[in-house]
Amino acid sequence: MNIYVGNLSFDVSEDDLRQVFESHGEVTSTKIIMDRETGKSRGFAFVEMSDDAQAQTAINDVNGMDLKGRELKVNQARPRDDAPRGGGGRGRY
């Protein structure tokens, strides 16, 4: 199961996330999303766990947990919408 973790402190590392979630089961990957321009964390990450039951327990237990001064927002990640994003355009002259 892929898990969304939001409201991350900029001081949290992927190893920190792995440690929090490994207490609930096997973690297959962790990925903090970084800003392309600045290279800094965007404040959210994805954690993937191999067992859905363990992942659901982790979501329930970790949601609302304080990690480095921030209350985590945790839920099952929604599938990516591959539709093109809005933006761009020229607007009015």
PDB file of N, CA and C in Angstrom:
ATOM      1  N   MET A   1       0.857  -1.183   0.000  1.00  0.00           N
ATOM      2  CA  MET A   1       0.000   0.000   0.000  1.00  0.00           C
ATOM      3  C   MET A   1       0.895   1.236   0.000  1.00  0.00           C
ATOM      4  N   ASN A   2       0.494   2.218  -0.772  1.00  0.00           N
ATOM      5  CA  ASN A   2       1.209   3.486  -0.821  1.00  0.00           C
ATOM      6  C   ASN A   2       0.521   4.459   0.136  1.00  0.00           C
ATOM      7  N   ILE A   3       1.317   5.088   1.010  1.00  0.00           N
ATOM      8  CA  ILE A   3       0.790   5.943   2.069  1.00  0.00           C
ATOM      9  C   ILE A   3       1.294   7.373   1.876  1.00  0.00           C
ATOM     10  N   TYR A   4       0.379   8.329   1.938  1.00  0.00           N
ATOM     11  CA  TYR A   4       0.721   9.748   1.878  1.00  0.00           C
ATOM     12  C   TYR A   4       0.990  10.246   3.288  1.00  0.00           C
ATOM     13  N   VAL A   5       2.099  10.977   3.449  1.00  0.00           N
ATOM     14  CA  VAL A   5       2.440  11.567   4.742  1.00  0.00           C
ATOM     15  C   VAL A   5       2.635  13.068   4.527  1.00  0.00           C
ATOM     16  N   GLY A   6       1.765  13.880   5.102  1.00  0.00           N
ATOM     17  CA  GLY A   6       1.820  15.324   4.907  1.00  0.00           C
ATOM     18  C   GLY A   6       2.166  16.063   6.184  1.00  0.00           C
ATOM     19  N   ASN A   7       2.384  17.357   6.042  1.00  0.00           N
ATOM     20  CA  ASN A   7       2.720  18.272   7.129  1.00  0.00           C
ATOM     21  C   ASN A   7       4.069  17.913   7.762  1.00  0.00           C
ATOM     22  N   LEU A   8       5.017  17.494   6.905  1.00  0.00           N
ATOM     23  CA  LEU A   8       6.352  17.127   7.391  1.00  0.00           C
ATOM     24  C   LEU A   8       7.177  18.350   7.722  1.00  0.00           C
ATOM     25  N   SER A   9       7.938  18.239   8.792  1.00  0.00           N
ATOM     26  CA  SER A   9       8.946  19.243   9.098  1.00  0.00           C
ATOM     27  C   SER A   9      10.032  19.142   8.037  1.00  0.00           C
ATOM     28  N   PHE A  10      10.665  20.253   7.716  1.00  0.00           N
ATOM     29  CA  PHE A  10      11.729  20.241   6.718  1.00  0.00           C
ATOM     30  C   PHE A  10      12.966  19.514   7.243  1.00  0.00           C
ATOM     31  N   ASP A  11      13.008  19.208   8.549  1.00  0.00           N
ATOM     32  CA  ASP A  11      14.131  18.504   9.166  1.00  0.00           C
ATOM     33  C   ASP A  11      13.989  16.983   9.105  1.00  0.00           C
ATOM     34  N   VAL A  12      12.838  16.474   8.672  1.00  0.00           N
ATOM     35  CA  VAL A  12      12.602  15.033   8.638  1.00  0.00           C
ATOM     36  C   VAL A  12      13.327  14.423   7.440  1.00  0.00           C
ATOM     37  N   SER A  13      14.010  13.300   7.686  1.00  0.00           N
ATOM     38  CA  SER A  13      14.698  12.583   6.617  1.00  0.00           C
ATOM     39  C   SER A  13      13.905  11.323   6.246  1.00  0.00           C
ATOM     40  N   GLU A  14      14.276  10.711   5.131  1.00  0.00           N
ATOM     41  CA  GLU A  14      13.633   9.458   4.735  1.00  0.00           C
ATOM     42  C   GLU A  14      13.905   8.370   5.770  1.00  0.00           C
ATOM     43  N   ASP A  15      15.068   8.399   6.398  1.00  0.00           N
ATOM     44  CA  ASP A  15      15.375   7.427   7.459  1.00  0.00           C
ATOM     45  C   ASP A  15      14.460   7.623   8.669  1.00  0.00           C
ATOM     46  N   ASP A  16      14.157   8.882   9.003  1.00  0.00           N
ATOM     47  CA  ASP A  16      13.224   9.158  10.114  1.00  0.00           C
ATOM     48  C   ASP A  16      11.863   8.528   9.824  1.00  0.00           C
ATOM     49  N   LEU A  17      11.378   8.740   8.601  1.00  0.00           N
ATOM     50  CA  LEU A  17      10.074   8.179   8.222  1.00  0.00           C
ATOM     51  C   LEU A  17      10.110   6.662   8.262  1.00  0.00           C
ATOM     52  N   ARG A  18      11.169   6.076   7.735  1.00  0.00           N
ATOM     53  CA  ARG A  18      11.304   4.622   7.724  1.00  0.00           C
ATOM     54  C   ARG A  18      11.220   4.075   9.149  1.00  0.00           C
ATOM     55  N   GLN A  19      11.903   4.707  10.089  1.00  0.00           N
ATOM     56  CA  GLN A  19      11.894   4.245  11.483  1.00  0.00           C
ATOM     57  C   GLN A  19      10.492   4.309  12.086  1.00  0.00           C
ATOM     58  N   VAL A  20       9.772   5.385  11.802  1.00  0.00           N
ATOM     59  CA  VAL A  20       8.412   5.526  12.346  1.00  0.00           C
ATOM     60  C   VAL A  20       7.502   4.416  11.818  1.00  0.00           C
ATOM     61  N   PHE A  21       7.573   4.158  10.515  1.00  0.00           N
ATOM     62  CA  PHE A  21       6.660   3.189   9.905  1.00  0.00           C
ATOM     63  C   PHE A  21       7.112   1.747  10.094  1.00  0.00           C
ATOM     64  N   GLU A  22       8.412   1.493  10.234  1.00  0.00           N
ATOM     65  CA  GLU A  22       8.896   0.115  10.407  1.00  0.00           C
ATOM     66  C   GLU A  22       8.438  -0.498  11.717  1.00  0.00           C
ATOM     67  N   SER A  23       8.057   0.323  12.677  1.00  0.00           N
ATOM     68  CA  SER A  23       7.541  -0.236  13.927  1.00  0.00           C
ATOM     69  C   SER A  23       6.176  -0.900  13.707  1.00  0.00           C
ATOM     70  N   HIS A  24       5.587  -0.702  12.514  1.00  0.00           N
ATOM     71  CA  HIS A  24       4.281  -1.283  12.191  1.00  0.00           C
ATOM     72  C   HIS A  24       4.363  -2.378  11.139  1.00  0.00           C
ATOM     73  N   GLY A  25       5.533  -2.572  10.517  1.00  0.00           N
ATOM     74  CA  GLY A  25       5.669  -3.603   9.491  1.00  0.00           C
ATOM     75  C   GLY A  25       6.770  -3.254   8.503  1.00  0.00           C
ATOM     76  N   GLU A  26       6.890  -4.082   7.475  1.00  0.00           N
ATOM     77  CA  GLU A  26       7.944  -3.911   6.482  1.00  0.00           C
ATOM     78  C   GLU A  26       7.679  -2.707   5.581  1.00  0.00           C
ATOM     79  N   VAL A  27       8.662  -1.816   5.502  1.00  0.00           N
ATOM     80  CA  VAL A  27       8.596  -0.648   4.624  1.00  0.00           C
ATOM     81  C   VAL A  27       9.418  -0.965   3.379  1.00  0.00           C
ATOM     82  N   THR A  28       8.794  -0.875   2.205  1.00  0.00           N
ATOM     83  CA  THR A  28       9.522  -1.176   0.975  1.00  0.00           C
ATOM     84  C   THR A  28      10.187   0.060   0.384  1.00  0.00           C
ATOM     85  N   SER A  29       9.628   1.250   0.641  1.00  0.00           N
ATOM     86  CA  SER A  29      10.274   2.477   0.164  1.00  0.00           C
ATOM     87  C   SER A  29       9.740   3.699   0.897  1.00  0.00           C
ATOM     88  N   THR A  30      10.581   4.732   0.941  1.00  0.00           N
ATOM     89  CA  THR A  30      10.171   6.047   1.446  1.00  0.00           C
ATOM     90  C   THR A  30      10.674   7.079   0.446  1.00  0.00           C
ATOM     91  N   LYS A  31       9.880   8.104   0.214  1.00  0.00           N
ATOM     92  CA  LYS A  31      10.268   9.138  -0.749  1.00  0.00           C
ATOM     93  C   LYS A  31       9.723  10.485  -0.302  1.00  0.00           C
ATOM     94  N   ILE A  32      10.628  11.368   0.133  1.00  0.00           N
ATOM     95  CA  ILE A  32      10.237  12.742   0.442  1.00  0.00           C
ATOM     96  C   ILE A  32      10.252  13.510  -0.871  1.00  0.00           C
ATOM     97  N   ILE A  33       9.189  14.228  -1.142  1.00  0.00           N
ATOM     98  CA  ILE A  33       9.073  14.977  -2.395  1.00  0.00           C
ATOM     99  C   ILE A  33       9.808  16.302  -2.259  1.00  0.00           C
ATOM    100  N   MET A  34      10.718  16.542  -3.201  1.00  0.00           N
ATOM    101  CA  MET A  34      11.567  17.730  -3.170  1.00  0.00           C
ATOM    102  C   MET A  34      11.152  18.718  -4.259  1.00  0.00           C
ATOM    103  N   ASP A  35      11.332  19.995  -3.971  1.00  0.00           N
ATOM    104  CA  ASP A  35      11.067  21.057  -4.938  1.00  0.00           C
ATOM    105  C   ASP A  35      12.174  21.051  -5.989  1.00  0.00           C
ATOM    106  N   ARG A  36      11.798  21.075  -7.249  1.00  0.00           N
ATOM    107  CA  ARG A  36      12.788  21.049  -8.331  1.00  0.00           C
ATOM    108  C   ARG A  36      13.680  22.283  -8.345  1.00  0.00           C
ATOM    109  N   GLU A  37      13.106  23.415  -8.024  1.00  0.00           N
ATOM    110  CA  GLU A  37      13.845  24.676  -8.086  1.00  0.00           C
ATOM    111  C   GLU A  37      14.850  24.823  -6.943  1.00  0.00           C
ATOM    112  N   THR A  38      14.390  24.553  -5.709  1.00  0.00           N
ATOM    113  CA  THR A  38      15.224  24.821  -4.531  1.00  0.00           C
ATOM    114  C   THR A  38      15.934  23.586  -3.980  1.00  0.00           C
ATOM    115  N   GLY A  39      15.434  22.398  -4.321  1.00  0.00           N
ATOM    116  CA  GLY A  39      16.011  21.177  -3.774  1.00  0.00           C
ATOM    117  C   GLY A  39      15.604  20.906  -2.337  1.00  0.00           C
ATOM    118  N   LYS A  40      14.681  21.698  -1.800  1.00  0.00           N
ATOM    119  CA  LYS A  40      14.210  21.516  -0.429  1.00  0.00           C
ATOM    120  C   LYS A  40      12.922  20.694  -0.418  1.00  0.00           C
ATOM    121  N   SER A  41      12.646  20.099   0.732  1.00  0.00           N
ATOM    122  CA  SER A  41      11.436  19.306   0.898  1.00  0.00           C
ATOM    123  C   SER A  41      10.195  20.161   0.642  1.00  0.00           C
ATOM    124  N   ARG A  42       9.180  19.554   0.031  1.00  0.00           N
ATOM    125  CA  ARG A  42       7.906  20.243  -0.178  1.00  0.00           C
ATOM    126  C   ARG A  42       6.948  19.988   0.979  1.00  0.00           C
ATOM    127  N   GLY A  43       7.408  19.228   1.993  1.00  0.00           N
ATOM    128  CA  GLY A  43       6.596  19.030   3.191  1.00  0.00           C
ATOM    129  C   GLY A  43       5.697  17.813   3.151  1.00  0.00           C
ATOM    130  N   PHE A  44       5.898  16.926   2.158  1.00  0.00           N
ATOM    131  CA  PHE A  44       5.132  15.688   2.150  1.00  0.00           C
ATOM    132  C   PHE A  44       5.965  14.571   1.551  1.00  0.00           C
ATOM    133  N   ALA A  45       5.506  13.339   1.807  1.00  0.00           N
ATOM    134  CA  ALA A  45       6.263  12.165   1.369  1.00  0.00           C
ATOM    135  C   ALA A  45       5.306  11.009   1.102  1.00  0.00           C
ATOM    136  N   PHE A  46       5.861   9.957   0.536  1.00  0.00           N
ATOM    137  CA  PHE A  46       5.129   8.712   0.327  1.00  0.00           C
ATOM    138  C   PHE A  46       5.929   7.581   0.939  1.00  0.00           C
ATOM    139  N   VAL A  47       5.227   6.707   1.652  1.00  0.00           N
ATOM    140  CA  VAL A  47       5.829   5.522   2.248  1.00  0.00           C
ATOM    141  C   VAL A  47       5.078   4.332   1.677  1.00  0.00           C
ATOM    142  N   GLU A  48       5.817   3.337   1.218  1.00  0.00           N
ATOM    143  CA  GLU A  48       5.183   2.146   0.678  1.00  0.00           C
ATOM    144  C   GLU A  48       5.448   0.977   1.609  1.00  0.00           C
ATOM    145  N   MET A  49       4.362   0.256   1.945  1.00  0.00           N
ATOM    146  CA  MET A  49       4.460  -0.914   2.813  1.00  0.00           C
ATOM    147  C   MET A  49       3.903  -2.114   2.057  1.00  0.00           C
ATOM    148  N   SER A  50       4.521  -3.288   2.274  1.00  0.00           N
ATOM    149  CA  SER A  50       4.151  -4.476   1.508  1.00  0.00           C
ATOM    150  C   SER A  50       2.842  -5.113   1.976  1.00  0.00           C
ATOM    151  N   ASP A  51       2.499  -4.982   3.241  1.00  0.00           N
ATOM    152  CA  ASP A  51       1.300  -5.621   3.789  1.00  0.00           C
ATOM    153  C   ASP A  51       0.217  -4.576   4.045  1.00  0.00           C
ATOM    154  N   ASP A  52      -0.936  -4.741   3.396  1.00  0.00           N
ATOM    155  CA  ASP A  52      -2.017  -3.756   3.514  1.00  0.00           C
ATOM    156  C   ASP A  52      -2.557  -3.626   4.936  1.00  0.00           C
ATOM    157  N   ALA A  53      -2.658  -4.737   5.657  1.00  0.00           N
ATOM    158  CA  ALA A  53      -3.176  -4.678   7.034  1.00  0.00           C
ATOM    159  C   ALA A  53      -2.213  -3.905   7.929  1.00  0.00           C
ATOM    160  N   GLN A  54      -0.924  -4.165   7.787  1.00  0.00           N
ATOM    161  CA  GLN A  54       0.069  -3.431   8.571  1.00  0.00           C
ATOM    162  C   GLN A  54       0.075  -1.961   8.179  1.00  0.00           C
ATOM    163  N   ALA A  55      -0.092  -1.691   6.889  1.00  0.00           N
ATOM    164  CA  ALA A  55      -0.121  -0.304   6.417  1.00  0.00           C
ATOM    165  C   ALA A  55      -1.306   0.443   7.012  1.00  0.00           C
ATOM    166  N   GLN A  56      -2.466  -0.200   7.066  1.00  0.00           N
ATOM    167  CA  GLN A  56      -3.655   0.447   7.635  1.00  0.00           C
ATOM    168  C   GLN A  56      -3.460   0.720   9.119  1.00  0.00           C
ATOM    169  N   THR A  57      -2.826  -0.211   9.835  1.00  0.00           N
ATOM    170  CA  THR A  57      -2.518   0.003  11.247  1.00  0.00           C
ATOM    171  C   THR A  57      -1.562   1.177  11.404  1.00  0.00           C
ATOM    172  N   ALA A  58      -0.555   1.244  10.536  1.00  0.00           N
ATOM    173  CA  ALA A  58       0.407   2.352  10.580  1.00  0.00           C
ATOM    174  C   ALA A  58      -0.297   3.684  10.328  1.00  0.00           C
ATOM    175  N   ILE A  59      -1.195   3.723   9.347  1.00  0.00           N
ATOM    176  CA  ILE A  59      -1.937   4.957   9.054  1.00  0.00           C
ATOM    177  C   ILE A  59      -2.697   5.405  10.306  1.00  0.00           C
ATOM    178  N   ASN A  60      -3.400   4.472  10.918  1.00  0.00           N
ATOM    179  CA  ASN A  60      -4.195   4.804  12.113  1.00  0.00           C
ATOM    180  C   ASN A  60      -3.328   5.290  13.268  1.00  0.00           C
ATOM    181  N   ASP A  61      -2.166   4.659  13.450  1.00  0.00           N
ATOM    182  CA  ASP A  61      -1.307   4.990  14.585  1.00  0.00           C
ATOM    183  C   ASP A  61      -0.467   6.246  14.362  1.00  0.00           C
ATOM    184  N   VAL A  62      -0.016   6.460  13.131  1.00  0.00           N
ATOM    185  CA  VAL A  62       0.908   7.569  12.856  1.00  0.00           C
ATOM    186  C   VAL A  62       0.163   8.878  12.567  1.00  0.00           C
ATOM    187  N   ASN A  63      -1.059   8.801  12.054  1.00  0.00           N
ATOM    188  CA  ASN A  63      -1.829  10.012  11.769  1.00  0.00           C
ATOM    189  C   ASN A  63      -2.006  10.811  13.062  1.00  0.00           C
ATOM    190  N   GLY A  64      -1.573  12.059  13.046  1.00  0.00           N
ATOM    191  CA  GLY A  64      -1.670  12.918  14.224  1.00  0.00           C
ATOM    192  C   GLY A  64      -0.445  12.879  15.118  1.00  0.00           C
ATOM    193  N   MET A  65       0.491  11.972  14.828  1.00  0.00           N
ATOM    194  CA  MET A  65       1.719  11.865  15.628  1.00  0.00           C
ATOM    195  C   MET A  65       2.586  13.103  15.430  1.00  0.00           C
ATOM    196  N   ASP A  66       3.247  13.536  16.500  1.00  0.00           N
ATOM    197  CA  ASP A  66       4.181  14.652  16.416  1.00  0.00           C
ATOM    198  C   ASP A  66       5.547  14.117  16.007  1.00  0.00           C
ATOM    199  N   LEU A  67       6.097  14.631  14.916  1.00  0.00           N
ATOM    200  CA  LEU A  67       7.435  14.262  14.463  1.00  0.00           C
ATOM    201  C   LEU A  67       8.205  15.536  14.185  1.00  0.00           C
ATOM    202  N   LYS A  68       9.190  15.790  15.029  1.00  0.00           N
ATOM    203  CA  LYS A  68      10.036  16.983  14.931  1.00  0.00           C
ATOM    204  C   LYS A  68       9.213  18.268  14.910  1.00  0.00           C
ATOM    205  N   GLY A  69       8.203  18.312  15.796  1.00  0.00           N
ATOM    206  CA  GLY A  69       7.429  19.529  15.994  1.00  0.00           C
ATOM    207  C   GLY A  69       6.250  19.737  15.070  1.00  0.00           C
ATOM    208  N   ARG A  70       5.948  18.769  14.211  1.00  0.00           N
ATOM    209  CA  ARG A  70       4.802  18.894  13.298  1.00  0.00           C
ATOM    210  C   ARG A  70       3.878  17.692  13.470  1.00  0.00           C
ATOM    211  N   GLU A  71       2.567  17.934  13.426  1.00  0.00           N
ATOM    212  CA  GLU A  71       1.585  16.868  13.537  1.00  0.00           C
ATOM    213  C   GLU A  71       1.356  16.266  12.151  1.00  0.00           C
ATOM    214  N   LEU A  72       1.726  15.003  11.990  1.00  0.00           N
ATOM    215  CA  LEU A  72       1.644  14.356  10.681  1.00  0.00           C
ATOM    216  C   LEU A  72       0.204  14.130  10.245  1.00  0.00           C
ATOM    217  N   LYS A  73      -0.036  14.282   8.964  1.00  0.00           N
ATOM    218  CA  LYS A  73      -1.322  13.959   8.336  1.00  0.00           C
ATOM    219  C   LYS A  73      -1.059  12.752   7.446  1.00  0.00           C
ATOM    220  N   VAL A  74      -1.663  11.623   7.784  1.00  0.00           N
ATOM    221  CA  VAL A  74      -1.347  10.366   7.108  1.00  0.00           C
ATOM    222  C   VAL A  74      -2.626   9.716   6.596  1.00  0.00           C
ATOM    223  N   ASN A  75      -2.608   9.282   5.336  1.00  0.00           N
ATOM    224  CA  ASN A  75      -3.718   8.513   4.781  1.00  0.00           C
ATOM    225  C   ASN A  75      -3.242   7.717   3.574  1.00  0.00           C
ATOM    226  N   GLN A  76      -4.118   6.848   3.096  1.00  0.00           N
ATOM    227  CA  GLN A  76      -3.759   6.054   1.920  1.00  0.00           C
ATOM    228  C   GLN A  76      -3.637   6.999   0.732  1.00  0.00           C
ATOM    229  N   ALA A  77      -2.547   6.848  -0.017  1.00  0.00           N
ATOM    230  CA  ALA A  77      -2.330   7.716  -1.173  1.00  0.00           C
ATOM    231  C   ALA A  77      -3.346   7.387  -2.253  1.00  0.00           C
ATOM    232  N   ARG A  78      -3.850   8.426  -2.888  1.00  0.00           N
ATOM    233  CA  ARG A  78      -4.757   8.238  -4.017  1.00  0.00           C
ATOM    234  C   ARG A  78      -3.927   8.006  -5.271  1.00  0.00           C
ATOM    235  N   PRO A  79      -4.445   7.243  -6.225  1.00  0.00           N
ATOM    236  CA  PRO A  79      -3.702   7.053  -7.473  1.00  0.00           C
ATOM    237  C   PRO A  79      -3.494   8.384  -8.178  1.00  0.00           C
ATOM    238  N   ARG A  80      -2.355   8.511  -8.837  1.00  0.00           N
ATOM    239  CA  ARG A  80      -2.063   9.739  -9.573  1.00  0.00           C
ATOM    240  C   ARG A  80      -3.017   9.918 -10.729  1.00  0.00           C
ATOM    241  N   ASP A  81      -3.467  11.129 -10.914  1.00  0.00           N
ATOM    242  CA  ASP A  81      -4.288  11.469 -12.066  1.00  0.00           C
ATOM    243  C   ASP A  81      -3.327  11.872 -13.177  1.00  0.00           C
ATOM    244  N   ASP A  82      -3.273  11.088 -14.242  1.00  0.00           N
ATOM    245  CA  ASP A  82      -2.312  11.351 -15.309  1.00  0.00           C
ATOM    246  C   ASP A  82      -2.800  12.387 -16.318  1.00  0.00           C
ATOM    247  N   ALA A  83      -3.945  12.997 -16.048  1.00  0.00           N
ATOM    248  CA  ALA A  83      -4.438  14.045 -16.942  1.00  0.00           C
ATOM    249  C   ALA A  83      -3.490  15.242 -16.876  1.00  0.00           C
ATOM    250  N   PRO A  84      -3.343  15.945 -17.985  1.00  0.00           N
ATOM    251  CA  PRO A  84      -2.453  17.111 -17.958  1.00  0.00           C
ATOM    252  C   PRO A  84      -2.942  18.142 -16.953  1.00  0.00           C
ATOM    253  N   ARG A  85      -2.021  18.757 -16.296  1.00  0.00           N
ATOM    254  CA  ARG A  85      -2.356  19.780 -15.306  1.00  0.00           C
ATOM    255  C   ARG A  85      -2.663  21.091 -16.014  1.00  0.00           C
ATOM    256  N   GLY A  86      -3.474  21.906 -15.356  1.00  0.00           N
ATOM    257  CA  GLY A  86      -3.784  23.229 -15.897  1.00  0.00           C
ATOM    258  C   GLY A  86      -2.593  24.148 -15.745  1.00  0.00           C
ATOM    259  N   GLY A  87      -2.777  25.353 -16.070  1.00  0.00           N
ATOM    260  CA  GLY A  87      -1.674  26.303 -15.936  1.00  0.00           C
ATOM    261  C   GLY A  87      -1.243  26.787 -17.296  1.00  0.00           C
ATOM    262  N   GLY A  88      -0.289  27.634 -17.284  1.00  0.00           N
ATOM    263  CA  GLY A  88       0.160  28.160 -18.564  1.00  0.00           C
ATOM    264  C   GLY A  88      -0.889  29.061 -19.146  1.00  0.00           C
ATOM    265  N   GLY A  89      -0.964  29.073 -20.411  1.00  0.00           N
ATOM    266  CA  GLY A  89      -1.937  29.941 -21.066  1.00  0.00           C
ATOM    267  C   GLY A  89      -1.420  31.360 -21.131  1.00  0.00           C
ATOM    268  N   ARG A  90      -1.989  32.135 -21.990  1.00  0.00           N
ATOM    269  CA  ARG A  90      -1.482  33.481 -22.184  1.00  0.00           C
ATOM    270  C   ARG A  90      -2.331  34.538 -21.501  1.00  0.00           C
ATOM    271  N   GLY A  91      -3.535  34.165 -21.166  1.00  0.00           N
ATOM    272  CA  GLY A  91      -4.386  35.170 -20.522  1.00  0.00           C
ATOM    273  C   GLY A  91      -4.756  36.261 -21.506  1.00  0.00           C
ATOM    274  N   ARG A  92      -5.177  37.392 -20.977  1.00  0.00           N
ATOM    275  CA  ARG A  92      -5.562  38.515 -21.837  1.00  0.00           C
ATOM    276  C   ARG A  92      -4.380  39.403 -22.128  1.00  0.00           C
ATOM    277  N   TYR A  93      -4.445  40.042 -23.222  1.00  0.00           N
ATOM    278  CA  TYR A  93      -3.374  40.949 -23.621  1.00  0.00           C
ATOM    279  C   TYR A  93      -3.566  42.295 -23.028  1.00  0.00           C
TER     280      TYR A  93
END
